[in-house]
Amino acid sequence: FCESIGNQLQIPVNKNVLLRTQYNKTQTKKNREARQQLTRAIFDV
């Protein structure tokens, strides 16, 4: 999806600046509070 939008609008895609530092299972069944607790420290730049 990103590559297609980037190609069409001539905007580069950067997959290196944002990192997921921790593994976690799917969040599809969790509420906002549970998701926030899981995601607080799992992304870095």
All heavy atoms as atom14 arrays in JSON, in Angstrom:
{
  "sequence": "FCESIGNQLQIPVNKNVLLRTQYNKTQTKKNREARQQLTRAIFDV",
  "atom14_mask": [
    [1, 1, 1, 1, 1, 1, 1, 1, 1, 1, 1, 0, 0, 0],
    [1, 1, 1, 1, 1, 1, 0, 0, 0, 0, 0, 0, 0, 0],
    [1, 1, 1, 1, 1, 1, 1, 1, 1, 0, 0, 0, 0, 0],
    [1, 1, 1, 1, 1, 1, 0, 0, 0, 0, 0, 0, 0, 0],
    [1, 1, 1, 1, 1, 1, 1, 1, 0, 0, 0, 0, 0, 0],
    [1, 1, 1, 1, 0, 0, 0, 0, 0, 0, 0, 0, 0, 0],
    [1, 1, 1, 1, 1, 1, 1, 1, 0, 0, 0, 0, 0, 0],
    [1, 1, 1, 1, 1, 1, 1, 1, 1, 0, 0, 0, 0, 0],
    [1, 1, 1, 1, 1, 1, 1, 1, 0, 0, 0, 0, 0, 0],
    [1, 1, 1, 1, 1, 1, 1, 1, 1, 0, 0, 0, 0, 0],
    [1, 1, 1, 1, 1, 1, 1, 1, 0, 0, 0, 0, 0, 0],
    [1, 1, 1, 1, 1, 1, 1, 0, 0, 0, 0, 0, 0, 0],
    [1, 1, 1, 1, 1, 1, 1, 0, 0, 0, 0, 0, 0, 0],
    [1, 1, 1, 1, 1, 1, 1, 1, 0, 0, 0, 0, 0, 0],
    [1, 1, 1, 1, 1, 1, 1, 1, 1, 0, 0, 0, 0, 0],
    [1, 1, 1, 1, 1, 1, 1, 1, 0, 0, 0, 0, 0, 0],
    [1, 1, 1, 1, 1, 1, 1, 0, 0, 0, 0, 0, 0, 0],
    [1, 1, 1, 1, 1, 1, 1, 1, 0, 0, 0, 0, 0, 0],
    [1, 1, 1, 1, 1, 1, 1, 1, 0, 0, 0, 0, 0, 0],
    [1, 1, 1, 1, 1, 1, 1, 1, 1, 1, 1, 0, 0, 0],
    [1, 1, 1, 1, 1, 1, 1, 0, 0, 0, 0, 0, 0, 0],
    [1, 1, 1, 1, 1, 1, 1, 1, 1, 0, 0, 0, 0, 0],
    [1, 1, 1, 1, 1, 1, 1, 1, 1, 1, 1, 1, 0, 0],
    [1, 1, 1, 1, 1, 1, 1, 1, 0, 0, 0, 0, 0, 0],
    [1, 1, 1, 1, 1, 1, 1, 1, 1, 0, 0, 0, 0, 0],
    [1, 1, 1, 1, 1, 1, 1, 0, 0, 0, 0, 0, 0, 0],
    [1, 1, 1, 1, 1, 1, 1, 1, 1, 0, 0, 0, 0, 0],
    [1, 1, 1, 1, 1, 1, 1, 0, 0, 0, 0, 0, 0, 0],
    [1, 1, 1, 1, 1, 1, 1, 1, 1, 0, 0, 0, 0, 0],
    [1, 1, 1, 1, 1, 1, 1, 1, 1, 0, 0, 0, 0, 0],
    [1, 1, 1, 1, 1, 1, 1, 1, 0, 0, 0, 0, 0, 0],
    [1, 1, 1, 1, 1, 1, 1, 1, 1, 1, 1, 0, 0, 0],
    [1, 1, 1, 1, 1, 1, 1, 1, 1, 0, 0, 0, 0, 0],
    [1, 1, 1, 1, 1, 0, 0, 0, 0, 0, 0, 0, 0, 0],
    [1, 1, 1, 1, 1, 1, 1, 1, 1, 1, 1, 0, 0, 0],
    [1, 1, 1, 1, 1, 1, 1, 1, 1, 0, 0, 0, 0, 0],
    [1, 1, 1, 1, 1, 1, 1, 1, 1, 0, 0, 0, 0, 0],
    [1, 1, 1, 1, 1, 1, 1, 1, 0, 0, 0, 0, 0, 0],
    [1, 1, 1, 1, 1, 1, 1, 0, 0, 0, 0, 0, 0, 0],
    [1, 1, 1, 1, 1, 1, 1, 1, 1, 1, 1, 0, 0, 0],
    [1, 1, 1, 1, 1, 0, 0, 0, 0, 0, 0, 0, 0, 0],
    [1, 1, 1, 1, 1, 1, 1, 1, 0, 0, 0, 0, 0, 0],
    [1, 1, 1, 1, 1, 1, 1, 1, 1, 1, 1, 0, 0, 0],
    [1, 1, 1, 1, 1, 1, 1, 1, 0, 0, 0, 0, 0, 0],
    [1, 1, 1, 1, 1, 1, 1, 0, 0, 0, 0, 0, 0, 0]
  ],
  "atom14_positions": [
    [[0.85, -1.2, 0.0], [0.0, 0.0, 0.0], [0.88, 1.25, 0.0], [0.69, 2.17, -0.8], [-0.91, -0.05, 1.23], [-1.89, 1.09, 1.33], [-2.98, 1.18, 0.49], [-1.75, 2.05, 2.33], [-3.91, 2.22, 0.61], [-2.66, 3.09, 2.47], [-3.74, 3.18, 1.61], [0.0, 0.0, 0.0], [0.0, 0.0, 0.0], [0.0, 0.0, 0.0]],
    [[1.89, 1.27, 0.89], [2.81, 2.41, 0.98], [3.59, 2.61, -0.32], [3.73, 3.74, -0.8], [3.81, 2.2, 2.13], [3.09, 2.33, 3.76], [0.0, 0.0, 0.0], [0.0, 0.0, 0.0], [0.0, 0.0, 0.0], [0.0, 0.0, 0.0], [0.0, 0.0, 0.0], [0.0, 0.0, 0.0], [0.0, 0.0, 0.0], [0.0, 0.0, 0.0]],
    [[4.12, 1.53, -0.85], [4.91, 1.61, -2.09], [4.07, 2.16, -3.24], [4.53, 2.98, -4.03], [5.49, 0.24, -2.46], [6.5, -0.31, -1.49], [7.83, 0.44, -1.47], [8.12, 1.2, -2.41], [8.57, 0.27, -0.48], [0.0, 0.0, 0.0], [0.0, 0.0, 0.0], [0.0, 0.0, 0.0], [0.0, 0.0, 0.0], [0.0, 0.0, 0.0]],
    [[2.83, 1.7, -3.32], [1.95, 2.15, -4.4], [1.65, 3.64, -4.26], [1.74, 4.39, -5.25], [0.67, 1.31, -4.36], [-0.11, 1.58, -5.48], [0.0, 0.0, 0.0], [0.0, 0.0, 0.0], [0.0, 0.0, 0.0], [0.0, 0.0, 0.0], [0.0, 0.0, 0.0], [0.0, 0.0, 0.0], [0.0, 0.0, 0.0], [0.0, 0.0, 0.0]],
    [[1.3, 4.09, -3.07], [1.04, 5.52, -2.86], [2.31, 6.32, -3.12], [2.28, 7.36, -3.78], [0.5, 5.78, -1.44], [-0.95, 5.3, -1.38], [0.59, 7.26, -1.07], [-1.6, 5.43, -0.03], [0.0, 0.0, 0.0], [0.0, 0.0, 0.0], [0.0, 0.0, 0.0], [0.0, 0.0, 0.0], [0.0, 0.0, 0.0], [0.0, 0.0, 0.0]],
    [[3.45, 5.82, -2.61], [4.71, 6.52, -2.83], [5.07, 6.66, -4.29], [5.49, 7.73, -4.75], [0.0, 0.0, 0.0], [0.0, 0.0, 0.0], [0.0, 0.0, 0.0], [0.0, 0.0, 0.0], [0.0, 0.0, 0.0], [0.0, 0.0, 0.0], [0.0, 0.0, 0.0], [0.0, 0.0, 0.0], [0.0, 0.0, 0.0], [0.0, 0.0, 0.0]],
    [[4.88, 5.59, -5.06], [5.17, 5.64, -6.49], [4.25, 6.63, -7.21], [4.7, 7.41, -8.05], [5.03, 4.25, -7.12], [6.15, 3.32, -6.72], [7.23, 3.76, -6.32], [5.89, 2.04, -6.8], [0.0, 0.0, 0.0], [0.0, 0.0, 0.0], [0.0, 0.0, 0.0], [0.0, 0.0, 0.0], [0.0, 0.0, 0.0], [0.0, 0.0, 0.0]],
    [[2.97, 6.59, -6.89], [2.01, 7.46, -7.56], [2.24, 8.93, -7.23], [2.08, 9.79, -8.08], [0.58, 7.07, -7.15], [0.15, 5.7, -7.61], [-0.06, 5.62, -9.11], [-0.63, 6.49, -9.72], [0.44, 4.55, -9.7], [0.0, 0.0, 0.0], [0.0, 0.0, 0.0], [0.0, 0.0, 0.0], [0.0, 0.0, 0.0], [0.0, 0.0, 0.0]],
    [[2.58, 9.22, -5.96], [2.73, 10.61, -5.51], [4.19, 11.07, -5.46], [4.47, 12.19, -5.07], [2.07, 10.79, -4.13], [0.58, 10.47, -4.07], [0.06, 10.64, -2.65], [-0.21, 11.34, -5.04], [0.0, 0.0, 0.0], [0.0, 0.0, 0.0], [0.0, 0.0, 0.0], [0.0, 0.0, 0.0], [0.0, 0.0, 0.0], [0.0, 0.0, 0.0]],
    [[5.08, 10.17, -5.85], [6.53, 10.45, -5.89], [7.05, 10.9, -4.52], [7.74, 11.91, -4.38], [6.86, 11.47, -6.97], [6.47, 10.96, -8.34], [6.78, 11.94, -9.45], [7.1, 13.1, -9.23], [6.68, 11.46, -10.68], [0.0, 0.0, 0.0], [0.0, 0.0, 0.0], [0.0, 0.0, 0.0], [0.0, 0.0, 0.0], [0.0, 0.0, 0.0]],
    [[6.71, 10.1, -3.5], [7.19, 10.3, -2.13], [7.92, 9.02, -1.72], [7.35, 7.93, -1.81], [6.01, 10.55, -1.15], [5.17, 11.74, -1.59], [6.54, 10.77, 0.27], [3.85, 11.89, -0.82], [0.0, 0.0, 0.0], [0.0, 0.0, 0.0], [0.0, 0.0, 0.0], [0.0, 0.0, 0.0], [0.0, 0.0, 0.0], [0.0, 0.0, 0.0]],
    [[9.17, 9.12, -1.27], [9.91, 7.91, -0.89], [9.33, 7.24, 0.37], [8.79, 7.92, 1.25], [11.33, 8.42, -0.63], [11.21, 9.88, -0.41], [9.98, 10.34, -1.13], [0.0, 0.0, 0.0], [0.0, 0.0, 0.0], [0.0, 0.0, 0.0], [0.0, 0.0, 0.0], [0.0, 0.0, 0.0], [0.0, 0.0, 0.0], [0.0, 0.0, 0.0]],
    [[9.47, 5.92, 0.41], [9.06, 5.13, 1.56], [10.32, 4.82, 2.37], [11.33, 4.38, 1.82], [8.37, 3.82, 1.12], [8.04, 2.94, 2.33], [7.11, 4.12, 0.32], [0.0, 0.0, 0.0], [0.0, 0.0, 0.0], [0.0, 0.0, 0.0], [0.0, 0.0, 0.0], [0.0, 0.0, 0.0], [0.0, 0.0, 0.0], [0.0, 0.0, 0.0]],
    [[10.27, 5.07, 3.68], [11.41, 4.82, 4.57], [10.99, 3.76, 5.59], [10.14, 4.01, 6.43], [11.82, 6.12, 5.27], [13.03, 5.94, 6.16], [13.34, 4.85, 6.62], [13.72, 7.04, 6.41], [0.0, 0.0, 0.0], [0.0, 0.0, 0.0], [0.0, 0.0, 0.0], [0.0, 0.0, 0.0], [0.0, 0.0, 0.0], [0.0, 0.0, 0.0]],
    [[11.63, 2.58, 5.5], [11.31, 1.48, 6.41], [12.36, 1.34, 7.51], [12.33, 0.35, 8.25], [11.21, 0.16, 5.63], [10.14, 0.15, 4.59], [10.15, -1.16, 3.83], [9.28, -1.09, 2.6], [9.37, -2.32, 1.8], [0.0, 0.0, 0.0], [0.0, 0.0, 0.0], [0.0, 0.0, 0.0], [0.0, 0.0, 0.0], [0.0, 0.0, 0.0]],
    [[13.27, 2.31, 7.62], [14.38, 2.17, 8.56], [14.33, 3.11, 9.76], [15.01, 2.86, 10.74], [15.7, 2.38, 7.81], [15.87, 1.38, 6.7], [15.63, 0.2, 6.88], [16.26, 1.86, 5.53], [0.0, 0.0, 0.0], [0.0, 0.0, 0.0], [0.0, 0.0, 0.0], [0.0, 0.0, 0.0], [0.0, 0.0, 0.0], [0.0, 0.0, 0.0]],
    [[13.57, 4.18, 9.69], [13.61, 5.17, 10.76], [12.76, 4.76, 11.98], [13.12, 5.05, 13.11], [13.22, 6.58, 10.25], [11.74, 6.68, 9.94], [13.64, 7.66, 11.21], [0.0, 0.0, 0.0], [0.0, 0.0, 0.0], [0.0, 0.0, 0.0], [0.0, 0.0, 0.0], [0.0, 0.0, 0.0], [0.0, 0.0, 0.0], [0.0, 0.0, 0.0]],
    [[11.66, 4.07, 11.78], [10.79, 3.63, 12.86], [10.98, 2.14, 13.07], [10.9, 1.36, 12.11], [9.32, 3.95, 12.52], [8.28, 3.62, 13.59], [8.49, 4.44, 14.86], [6.87, 3.86, 13.04], [0.0, 0.0, 0.0], [0.0, 0.0, 0.0], [0.0, 0.0, 0.0], [0.0, 0.0, 0.0], [0.0, 0.0, 0.0], [0.0, 0.0, 0.0]],
    [[11.22, 1.75, 14.32], [11.52, 0.35, 14.63], [10.54, -0.2, 15.65], [10.17, 0.51, 16.59], [12.93, 0.22, 15.21], [14.06, 0.89, 14.46], [15.31, 0.9, 15.31], [14.31, 0.2, 13.14], [0.0, 0.0, 0.0], [0.0, 0.0, 0.0], [0.0, 0.0, 0.0], [0.0, 0.0, 0.0], [0.0, 0.0, 0.0], [0.0, 0.0, 0.0]],
    [[10.18, -1.46, 15.49], [9.42, -2.16, 16.53], [10.45, -2.97, 17.3], [11.09, -3.85, 16.74], [8.35, -3.06, 15.92], [7.43, -3.67, 16.97], [6.37, -4.58, 16.37], [5.38, -3.86, 15.62], [4.11, -3.71, 16.0], [3.7, -4.2, 17.14], [3.26, -3.07, 15.25], [0.0, 0.0, 0.0], [0.0, 0.0, 0.0], [0.0, 0.0, 0.0]],
    [[10.59, -2.66, 18.58], [11.67, -3.26, 19.37], [11.23, -4.47, 20.18], [12.08, -5.21, 20.66], [12.27, -2.21, 20.33], [11.22, -1.7, 21.16], [12.92, -1.08, 19.56], [0.0, 0.0, 0.0], [0.0, 0.0, 0.0], [0.0, 0.0, 0.0], [0.0, 0.0, 0.0], [0.0, 0.0, 0.0], [0.0, 0.0, 0.0], [0.0, 0.0, 0.0]],
    [[9.93, -4.67, 20.36], [9.44, -5.82, 21.12], [8.4, -6.56, 20.31], [7.61, -5.95, 19.58], [8.81, -5.37, 22.45], [9.81, -4.81, 23.43], [9.11, -4.39, 24.72], [7.97, -4.75, 24.99], [9.8, -3.6, 25.52], [0.0, 0.0, 0.0], [0.0, 0.0, 0.0], [0.0, 0.0, 0.0], [0.0, 0.0, 0.0], [0.0, 0.0, 0.0]],
    [[8.4, -7.87, 20.49], [7.41, -8.72, 19.83], [6.17, -8.8, 20.71], [6.26, -8.95, 21.92], [8.01, -10.12, 19.64], [7.07, -11.1, 18.99], [6.91, -11.11, 17.62], [6.34, -12.0, 19.75], [6.06, -12.01, 17.0], [5.48, -12.91, 19.14], [5.35, -12.9, 17.77], [4.5, -13.79, 17.16], [0.0, 0.0, 0.0], [0.0, 0.0, 0.0]],
    [[5.01, -8.66, 20.11], [3.77, -8.89, 20.85], [2.75, -9.56, 19.95], [2.81, -9.44, 18.75], [3.22, -7.59, 21.46], [2.8, -6.59, 20.41], [3.5, -6.37, 19.43], [1.66, -5.97, 20.6], [0.0, 0.0, 0.0], [0.0, 0.0, 0.0], [0.0, 0.0, 0.0], [0.0, 0.0, 0.0], [0.0, 0.0, 0.0], [0.0, 0.0, 0.0]],
    [[1.83, -10.27, 20.59], [0.79, -10.96, 19.83], [-0.22, -9.96, 19.31], [-0.21, -8.8, 19.67], [0.13, -12.01, 20.71], [1.12, -13.08, 21.13], [0.42, -14.24, 21.78], [1.48, -15.17, 22.3], [1.36, -16.5, 21.98], [0.0, 0.0, 0.0], [0.0, 0.0, 0.0], [0.0, 0.0, 0.0], [0.0, 0.0, 0.0], [0.0, 0.0, 0.0]],
    [[-1.13, -10.42, 18.51], [-2.14, -9.56, 17.91], [-2.9, -8.75, 18.95], [-3.1, -9.21, 20.07], [-3.14, -10.37, 17.05], [-4.02, -9.46, 16.4], [-3.95, -11.34, 17.88], [0.0, 0.0, 0.0], [0.0, 0.0, 0.0], [0.0, 0.0, 0.0], [0.0, 0.0, 0.0], [0.0, 0.0, 0.0], [0.0, 0.0, 0.0], [0.0, 0.0, 0.0]],
    [[-3.27, -7.54, 18.57], [-4.0, -6.66, 19.48], [-5.45, -6.5, 19.07], [-6.18, -5.7, 19.66], [-3.34, -5.27, 19.48], [-1.92, -5.29, 20.0], [-1.41, -3.88, 20.15], [-1.94, -3.11, 20.94], [-0.4, -3.54, 19.4], [0.0, 0.0, 0.0], [0.0, 0.0, 0.0], [0.0, 0.0, 0.0], [0.0, 0.0, 0.0], [0.0, 0.0, 0.0]],
    [[-5.91, -7.27, 18.11], [-7.24, -7.04, 17.55], [-8.37, -7.19, 18.55], [-9.43, -6.61, 18.37], [-7.5, -7.97, 16.34], [-7.32, -9.32, 16.77], [-6.58, -7.66, 15.19], [0.0, 0.0, 0.0], [0.0, 0.0, 0.0], [0.0, 0.0, 0.0], [0.0, 0.0, 0.0], [0.0, 0.0, 0.0], [0.0, 0.0, 0.0], [0.0, 0.0, 0.0]],
    [[-8.17, -7.94, 19.62], [-9.24, -8.15, 20.6], [-9.05, -7.33, 21.87], [-9.79, -7.47, 22.82], [-9.31, -9.64, 20.97], [-9.46, -10.55, 19.77], [-10.82, -11.18, 19.74], [-10.94, -12.24, 18.68], [-11.26, -11.8, 17.39], [0.0, 0.0, 0.0], [0.0, 0.0, 0.0], [0.0, 0.0, 0.0], [0.0, 0.0, 0.0], [0.0, 0.0, 0.0]],
    [[-8.06, -6.44, 21.9], [-7.77, -5.67, 23.11], [-8.4, -4.28, 23.05], [-8.52, -3.69, 21.99], [-6.26, -5.54, 23.28], [-5.59, -6.89, 23.55], [-4.09, -6.72, 23.74], [-3.45, -8.03, 24.13], [-3.41, -9.01, 23.1], [0.0, 0.0, 0.0], [0.0, 0.0, 0.0], [0.0, 0.0, 0.0], [0.0, 0.0, 0.0], [0.0, 0.0, 0.0]],
    [[-8.76, -3.74, 24.24], [-9.31, -2.39, 24.3], [-8.17, -1.37, 24.29], [-7.0, -1.73, 24.31], [-10.21, -2.21, 25.52], [-9.46, -2.33, 26.85], [-8.25, -2.11, 26.94], [-10.18, -2.69, 27.89], [0.0, 0.0, 0.0], [0.0, 0.0, 0.0], [0.0, 0.0, 0.0], [0.0, 0.0, 0.0], [0.0, 0.0, 0.0], [0.0, 0.0, 0.0]],
    [[-8.52, -0.08, 24.29], [-7.52, 0.99, 24.18], [-6.49, 0.93, 25.31], [-5.3, 1.04, 25.07], [-8.19, 2.37, 24.15], [-7.19, 3.5, 24.01], [-7.87, 4.85, 23.83], [-6.89, 5.87, 23.61], [-6.32, 6.15, 22.46], [-6.63, 5.47, 21.38], [-5.43, 7.11, 22.36], [0.0, 0.0, 0.0], [0.0, 0.0, 0.0], [0.0, 0.0, 0.0]],
    [[-6.94, 0.74, 26.54], [-6.01, 0.73, 27.67], [-5.02, -0.43, 27.57], [-3.83, -0.27, 27.77], [-6.8, 0.64, 28.98], [-5.93, 0.78, 30.21], [-6.77, 0.77, 31.49], [-7.93, 1.2, 31.46], [-6.22, 0.31, 32.51], [0.0, 0.0, 0.0], [0.0, 0.0, 0.0], [0.0, 0.0, 0.0], [0.0, 0.0, 0.0], [0.0, 0.0, 0.0]],
    [[-5.53, -1.61, 27.24], [-4.66, -2.78, 27.1], [-3.67, -2.58, 25.95], [-2.5, -2.94, 26.06], [-5.49, -4.04, 26.87], [0.0, 0.0, 0.0], [0.0, 0.0, 0.0], [0.0, 0.0, 0.0], [0.0, 0.0, 0.0], [0.0, 0.0, 0.0], [0.0, 0.0, 0.0], [0.0, 0.0, 0.0], [0.0, 0.0, 0.0], [0.0, 0.0, 0.0]],
    [[-4.12, -1.99, 24.86], [-3.24, -1.74, 23.72], [-2.16, -0.73, 24.09], [-1.0, -0.88, 23.72], [-4.03, -1.21, 22.52], [-4.84, -2.26, 21.83], [-5.64, -1.63, 20.71], [-6.51, -2.61, 20.1], [-6.65, -2.77, 18.81], [-6.0, -2.03, 17.96], [-7.46, -3.67, 18.34], [0.0, 0.0, 0.0], [0.0, 0.0, 0.0], [0.0, 0.0, 0.0]],
    [[-2.53, 0.33, 24.81], [-1.54, 1.33, 25.19], [-0.48, 0.73, 26.08], [0.7, 1.02, 25.92], [-2.21, 2.52, 25.89], [-2.87, 3.45, 24.92], [-3.45, 4.66, 25.61], [-4.01, 4.57, 26.68], [-3.3, 5.8, 24.97], [0.0, 0.0, 0.0], [0.0, 0.0, 0.0], [0.0, 0.0, 0.0], [0.0, 0.0, 0.0], [0.0, 0.0, 0.0]],
    [[-0.87, -0.12, 27.04], [0.12, -0.74, 27.92], [1.09, -1.6, 27.11], [2.28, -1.61, 27.38], [-0.58, -1.58, 28.98], [-1.27, -0.73, 30.02], [-2.08, -1.56, 31.0], [-2.2, -2.77, 30.86], [-2.64, -0.88, 32.0], [0.0, 0.0, 0.0], [0.0, 0.0, 0.0], [0.0, 0.0, 0.0], [0.0, 0.0, 0.0], [0.0, 0.0, 0.0]],
    [[0.58, -2.3, 26.11], [1.44, -3.15, 25.29], [2.35, -2.35, 24.36], [3.47, -2.75, 24.08], [0.59, -4.09, 24.43], [0.09, -5.35, 25.11], [-0.83, -6.09, 24.19], [1.25, -6.23, 25.53], [0.0, 0.0, 0.0], [0.0, 0.0, 0.0], [0.0, 0.0, 0.0], [0.0, 0.0, 0.0], [0.0, 0.0, 0.0], [0.0, 0.0, 0.0]],
    [[1.87, -1.22, 23.86], [2.62, -0.51, 22.83], [3.54, 0.58, 23.36], [4.35, 1.11, 22.62], [1.66, 0.13, 21.8], [0.76, 0.98, 22.49], [0.91, -0.9, 21.02], [0.0, 0.0, 0.0], [0.0, 0.0, 0.0], [0.0, 0.0, 0.0], [0.0, 0.0, 0.0], [0.0, 0.0, 0.0], [0.0, 0.0, 0.0], [0.0, 0.0, 0.0]],
    [[3.46, 0.91, 24.64], [4.23, 2.03, 25.17], [5.71, 2.0, 24.81], [6.24, 3.0, 24.4], [4.09, 2.11, 26.69], [2.86, 2.82, 27.07], [2.91, 3.4, 28.45], [1.57, 3.52, 28.98], [0.66, 4.35, 28.53], [0.92, 5.15, 27.56], [-0.53, 4.38, 29.04], [0.0, 0.0, 0.0], [0.0, 0.0, 0.0], [0.0, 0.0, 0.0]],
    [[6.36, 0.87, 25.0], [7.81, 0.84, 24.8], [8.23, -0.04, 23.63], [9.39, -0.43, 23.56], [8.48, 0.36, 26.09], [0.0, 0.0, 0.0], [0.0, 0.0, 0.0], [0.0, 0.0, 0.0], [0.0, 0.0, 0.0], [0.0, 0.0, 0.0], [0.0, 0.0, 0.0], [0.0, 0.0, 0.0], [0.0, 0.0, 0.0], [0.0, 0.0, 0.0]],
    [[7.33, -0.34, 22.72], [7.74, -1.27, 21.67], [8.16, -0.6, 20.37], [8.57, -1.28, 19.44], [6.66, -2.35, 21.39], [5.39, -1.76, 20.82], [6.38, -3.15, 22.63], [4.4, -2.8, 20.38], [0.0, 0.0, 0.0], [0.0, 0.0, 0.0], [0.0, 0.0, 0.0], [0.0, 0.0, 0.0], [0.0, 0.0, 0.0], [0.0, 0.0, 0.0]],
    [[8.07, 0.72, 20.3], [8.51, 1.44, 19.1], [9.6, 2.43, 19.47], [9.55, 3.05, 20.53], [7.35, 2.18, 18.44], [6.3, 1.26, 17.87], [5.13, 1.01, 18.56], [6.5, 0.65, 16.64], [4.17, 0.16, 18.05], [5.54, -0.21, 16.11], [4.37, -0.45, 16.82], [0.0, 0.0, 0.0], [0.0, 0.0, 0.0], [0.0, 0.0, 0.0]],
    [[10.56, 2.57, 18.58], [11.62, 3.55, 18.78], [12.03, 4.07, 17.4], [11.61, 3.54, 16.38], [12.82, 2.93, 19.5], [13.68, 3.97, 20.21], [13.37, 5.19, 20.12], [14.66, 3.58, 20.85], [0.0, 0.0, 0.0], [0.0, 0.0, 0.0], [0.0, 0.0, 0.0], [0.0, 0.0, 0.0], [0.0, 0.0, 0.0], [0.0, 0.0, 0.0]],
    [[12.87, 5.09, 17.39], [13.36, 5.64, 16.13], [14.87, 5.49, 16.04], [15.58, 5.52, 17.04], [12.97, 7.12, 15.94], [11.52, 7.25, 15.57], [13.29, 7.95, 17.16], [0.0, 0.0, 0.0], [0.0, 0.0, 0.0], [0.0, 0.0, 0.0], [0.0, 0.0, 0.0], [0.0, 0.0, 0.0], [0.0, 0.0, 0.0], [0.0, 0.0, 0.0]]
  ]
}
